[in-house]
N, C-alpha and C. Protein backbone atom coordinates (compact mmCIF):
# COMPACT_ATOMS: atom_id res chain seq x y z
N ASN A 1 -17.65 75.50 -60.13
CA ASN A 1 -19.28 75.90 -59.96
C ASN A 1 -20.47 74.92 -59.83
N TYR A 2 -21.36 74.61 -58.61
CA TYR A 2 -22.16 74.08 -58.58
C TYR A 2 -23.93 75.39 -59.07
N ARG A 3 -24.34 73.44 -59.43
CA ARG A 3 -26.01 74.60 -59.67
C ARG A 3 -26.32 73.86 -58.75
N PHE A 4 -27.53 74.85 -58.55
CA PHE A 4 -28.75 74.38 -57.83
C PHE A 4 -30.62 75.13 -58.38
N ARG A 5 -31.14 73.62 -58.38
CA ARG A 5 -32.63 73.90 -59.43
C ARG A 5 -33.67 73.73 -58.12
N PHE A 6 -34.24 75.50 -57.22
CA PHE A 6 -35.13 75.37 -56.92
C PHE A 6 -36.04 75.50 -56.95
N SER A 7 -37.55 75.82 -57.15
CA SER A 7 -38.72 76.23 -57.65
C SER A 7 -38.53 77.83 -55.94
N GLN A 8 -39.63 78.77 -56.58
CA GLN A 8 -39.87 80.10 -56.38
C GLN A 8 -40.13 79.91 -54.70
N LYS A 9 -40.95 78.48 -54.59
CA LYS A 9 -42.07 78.62 -52.86
C LYS A 9 -40.80 78.01 -52.75
N GLU A 10 -39.63 76.89 -52.79
CA GLU A 10 -38.74 76.52 -51.70
C GLU A 10 -37.50 77.57 -51.86
N MET A 11 -37.75 78.41 -52.32
CA MET A 11 -36.55 79.82 -52.39
C MET A 11 -37.47 80.89 -50.78
N GLU A 12 -38.46 80.55 -51.77
CA GLU A 12 -39.12 81.65 -50.82
C GLU A 12 -38.86 81.39 -49.29
N ASP A 13 -39.73 80.18 -48.69
CA ASP A 13 -39.50 78.95 -48.31
C ASP A 13 -38.13 78.80 -46.83
N ILE A 14 -37.02 79.05 -47.51
CA ILE A 14 -35.66 78.95 -47.49
C ILE A 14 -35.34 80.19 -46.67
N LEU A 15 -35.81 81.89 -47.87
CA LEU A 15 -35.03 82.32 -47.17
C LEU A 15 -36.36 83.38 -46.99
N MET A 16 -36.77 83.66 -46.38
CA MET A 16 -38.00 84.32 -46.44
C MET A 16 -37.94 84.33 -44.69
N PRO A 17 -37.78 82.87 -44.08
CA PRO A 17 -37.65 83.75 -41.90
C PRO A 17 -36.20 84.82 -42.36
N TYR A 18 -35.58 84.52 -42.72
CA TYR A 18 -34.11 85.71 -42.08
C TYR A 18 -34.62 86.72 -41.71
N GLY A 19 -35.92 87.43 -42.39
CA GLY A 19 -36.74 88.63 -42.44
C GLY A 19 -35.97 89.97 -42.90
N TYR A 20 -34.78 89.85 -43.87
CA TYR A 20 -34.45 90.72 -44.84
C TYR A 20 -35.13 90.18 -46.28
N PHE A 21 -35.41 89.81 -46.53
CA PHE A 21 -35.76 89.32 -48.23
C PHE A 21 -37.67 89.01 -47.80
N CYS A 22 -37.77 89.60 -48.97
CA CYS A 22 -39.45 89.97 -49.50
C CYS A 22 -39.56 89.07 -50.90
N THR A 23 -40.72 88.87 -51.82
CA THR A 23 -41.17 89.27 -52.88
C THR A 23 -42.02 89.91 -52.96
N PRO A 24 -41.44 90.92 -54.08
CA PRO A 24 -42.02 92.03 -54.61
C PRO A 24 -42.94 91.80 -55.67
N ASN A 25 -43.44 91.19 -56.25
CA ASN A 25 -43.87 90.19 -57.20
C ASN A 25 -43.78 89.17 -57.80
N LYS A 26 -44.45 88.17 -57.61
CA LYS A 26 -44.85 86.74 -58.69
C LYS A 26 -42.69 86.60 -59.70
N GLY A 27 -41.89 86.29 -58.82
CA GLY A 27 -41.04 86.07 -59.78
C GLY A 27 -39.68 86.16 -59.43
N LEU A 28 -39.99 87.36 -58.33
CA LEU A 28 -38.58 88.32 -58.07
C LEU A 28 -38.33 87.85 -56.11
N ILE A 29 -37.55 88.34 -56.09
CA ILE A 29 -36.62 87.38 -54.31
C ILE A 29 -35.95 88.86 -54.09
N VAL A 30 -36.22 89.87 -53.86
CA VAL A 30 -35.51 90.66 -52.73
C VAL A 30 -34.85 90.72 -51.83
N ASN A 31 -33.36 91.17 -51.49
CA ASN A 31 -33.13 91.30 -50.22
C ASN A 31 -32.98 93.05 -49.85
N PHE A 32 -33.68 93.56 -48.46
CA PHE A 32 -33.70 94.46 -48.37
C PHE A 32 -32.75 95.43 -48.47
N HIS A 33 -31.83 94.83 -47.67
CA HIS A 33 -29.91 94.68 -47.44
C HIS A 33 -30.21 95.88 -49.40
N GLU A 34 -30.24 95.09 -50.48
CA GLU A 34 -29.85 96.16 -51.20
C GLU A 34 -31.02 97.03 -51.72
N VAL A 35 -32.08 97.60 -51.00
CA VAL A 35 -33.25 98.52 -50.79
C VAL A 35 -33.00 99.96 -50.41
N THR A 36 -32.70 100.96 -50.77
CA THR A 36 -32.91 102.32 -50.84
C THR A 36 -34.03 102.89 -50.10
N ARG A 37 -35.20 102.40 -50.79
CA ARG A 37 -36.40 103.03 -50.33
C ARG A 37 -37.41 102.35 -51.23
N ILE A 38 -38.75 103.00 -50.67
CA ILE A 38 -39.83 102.50 -51.35
C ILE A 38 -41.06 103.52 -51.36
N ASN A 39 -41.54 103.19 -52.71
CA ASN A 39 -42.44 104.63 -53.14
C ASN A 39 -43.21 104.22 -52.95
N GLU A 40 -44.56 104.37 -54.08
CA GLU A 40 -45.63 103.55 -53.51
C GLU A 40 -46.14 102.42 -54.56
N GLU A 41 -44.86 102.29 -55.53
CA GLU A 41 -44.96 101.09 -56.12
C GLU A 41 -43.33 100.41 -56.82
N LEU A 42 -42.66 101.17 -56.87
CA LEU A 42 -42.04 100.53 -56.84
C LEU A 42 -40.39 100.48 -55.81
N LEU A 43 -39.94 99.20 -55.54
CA LEU A 43 -38.31 99.57 -54.48
C LEU A 43 -36.82 99.71 -55.58
N ILE A 44 -36.57 101.33 -54.83
CA ILE A 44 -35.18 101.70 -55.47
C ILE A 44 -34.09 101.08 -54.47
N LEU A 45 -33.52 100.49 -55.74
CA LEU A 45 -32.53 99.79 -54.88
C LEU A 45 -31.49 100.00 -55.23
N THR A 46 -30.39 99.88 -55.06
CA THR A 46 -28.97 100.32 -54.10
C THR A 46 -27.73 100.71 -55.81
N ASN A 47 -28.49 99.68 -56.83
CA ASN A 47 -27.99 100.30 -57.97
C ASN A 47 -29.24 101.25 -58.81
N GLY A 48 -29.79 101.89 -58.90
CA GLY A 48 -30.24 102.37 -58.96
C GLY A 48 -31.24 101.97 -60.10
N GLU A 49 -31.18 100.58 -60.10
CA GLU A 49 -32.01 99.48 -60.61
C GLU A 49 -34.25 100.24 -59.60
N ASN A 50 -35.59 99.96 -60.55
CA ASN A 50 -36.59 100.28 -60.32
C ASN A 50 -37.61 99.30 -59.93
N LEU A 51 -37.25 98.46 -59.12
CA LEU A 51 -39.03 97.20 -59.70
C LEU A 51 -39.93 97.44 -58.44
N PRO A 52 -40.79 96.31 -59.95
CA PRO A 52 -42.22 97.03 -59.85
C PRO A 52 -43.06 95.79 -58.43
N VAL A 53 -43.41 96.25 -57.10
CA VAL A 53 -44.40 95.95 -56.07
C VAL A 53 -45.82 95.76 -56.56
N SER A 54 -46.38 94.52 -56.67
CA SER A 54 -47.48 94.31 -56.10
C SER A 54 -49.09 95.03 -55.53
N ARG A 55 -49.80 96.08 -56.36
CA ARG A 55 -50.25 96.21 -55.57
C ARG A 55 -50.96 96.01 -54.04
N ARG A 56 -51.32 94.19 -54.27
CA ARG A 56 -52.01 93.35 -53.10
C ARG A 56 -50.97 93.28 -52.21
N LYS A 57 -49.20 93.51 -52.66
CA LYS A 57 -48.32 93.40 -51.80
C LYS A 57 -48.26 94.81 -50.67
N LEU A 58 -48.63 95.75 -51.44
CA LEU A 58 -47.69 96.45 -50.98
C LEU A 58 -47.31 96.86 -49.83
N LYS A 59 -48.00 97.22 -48.99
CA LYS A 59 -48.37 97.30 -47.25
C LYS A 59 -47.97 96.27 -46.38
N GLU A 60 -47.53 95.54 -47.14
CA GLU A 60 -46.86 94.44 -46.38
C GLU A 60 -45.70 93.89 -46.65
N ILE A 61 -45.00 94.65 -47.85
CA ILE A 61 -43.95 95.43 -48.44
C ILE A 61 -43.16 96.18 -47.08
N LYS A 62 -44.23 97.56 -47.03
CA LYS A 62 -43.47 98.15 -47.26
C LYS A 62 -43.39 98.18 -45.26
N ASP A 63 -44.48 97.34 -44.66
CA ASP A 63 -44.68 97.04 -43.36
C ASP A 63 -43.09 96.99 -42.84
N ALA A 64 -43.14 95.05 -43.95
CA ALA A 64 -41.41 94.31 -43.68
C ALA A 64 -40.26 95.44 -43.65
N TYR A 65 -40.41 96.56 -44.44
CA TYR A 65 -39.33 97.37 -45.03
C TYR A 65 -38.72 98.30 -43.77
N THR A 66 -39.72 98.64 -43.48
CA THR A 66 -40.20 99.28 -42.09
C THR A 66 -39.68 98.49 -40.41
N LYS A 67 -39.81 97.23 -40.45
CA LYS A 67 -38.98 96.30 -39.67
C LYS A 67 -37.75 96.23 -39.55
N PHE A 68 -37.96 95.92 -40.94
CA PHE A 68 -36.32 96.20 -41.70
C PHE A 68 -35.43 96.83 -40.53
N CYS A 69 -35.77 98.10 -41.68
CA CYS A 69 -34.83 98.66 -41.28
C CYS A 69 -34.45 99.89 -39.73
N PHE A 70 -35.28 99.70 -38.49
CA PHE A 70 -35.70 99.37 -36.85
C PHE A 70 -35.06 98.35 -36.84
N MET A 71 -34.60 96.89 -37.61
CA MET A 71 -33.65 96.33 -36.76
C MET A 71 -32.68 96.87 -37.61
N LYS A 72 -31.83 97.46 -38.88
CA LYS A 72 -31.00 97.49 -38.44
C LYS A 72 -30.19 98.04 -38.24
N MET A 73 -30.72 99.49 -37.71
CA MET A 73 -30.53 100.80 -37.10
C MET A 73 -30.14 100.08 -35.22
N ARG A 74 -31.21 99.72 -34.90
CA ARG A 74 -30.77 99.44 -33.33
C ARG A 74 -29.35 98.23 -33.65
N LYS A 75 -28.70 97.75 -34.66
CA LYS A 75 -27.98 96.61 -34.34
C LYS A 75 -27.17 97.66 -34.92
N GLU A 76 -26.98 98.78 -35.50
CA GLU A 76 -26.08 99.79 -35.51
C GLU A 76 -25.08 100.55 -34.45
N VAL A 77 -26.18 100.70 -33.26
CA VAL A 77 -26.58 101.62 -32.08
C VAL A 77 -25.68 100.22 -31.54
N ALA A 78 -25.63 98.72 -31.11
CA ALA A 78 -25.42 98.71 -30.36
C ALA A 78 -23.74 97.89 -30.51
N ASP A 79 -23.65 97.97 -32.32
CA ASP A 79 -22.41 98.00 -32.39
C ASP A 79 -21.51 99.01 -31.51
């Protein structure tokens, strides 16, 4: 086993450039591959969990998820 210690900011700096991670609320990093949909205040995950989205970040998260969905569809069509 390996253990690594990173601050939230350090993890965000590593993961955010990939385009399929988001930080919907303080202390959370979510992979869009695990999101089935977004409603007005929650990310609904494939395992049925609901994660809260900060009102301040809602538009940003929705826009990023829409972009992710289009990129995913393009890739599926190309393959």
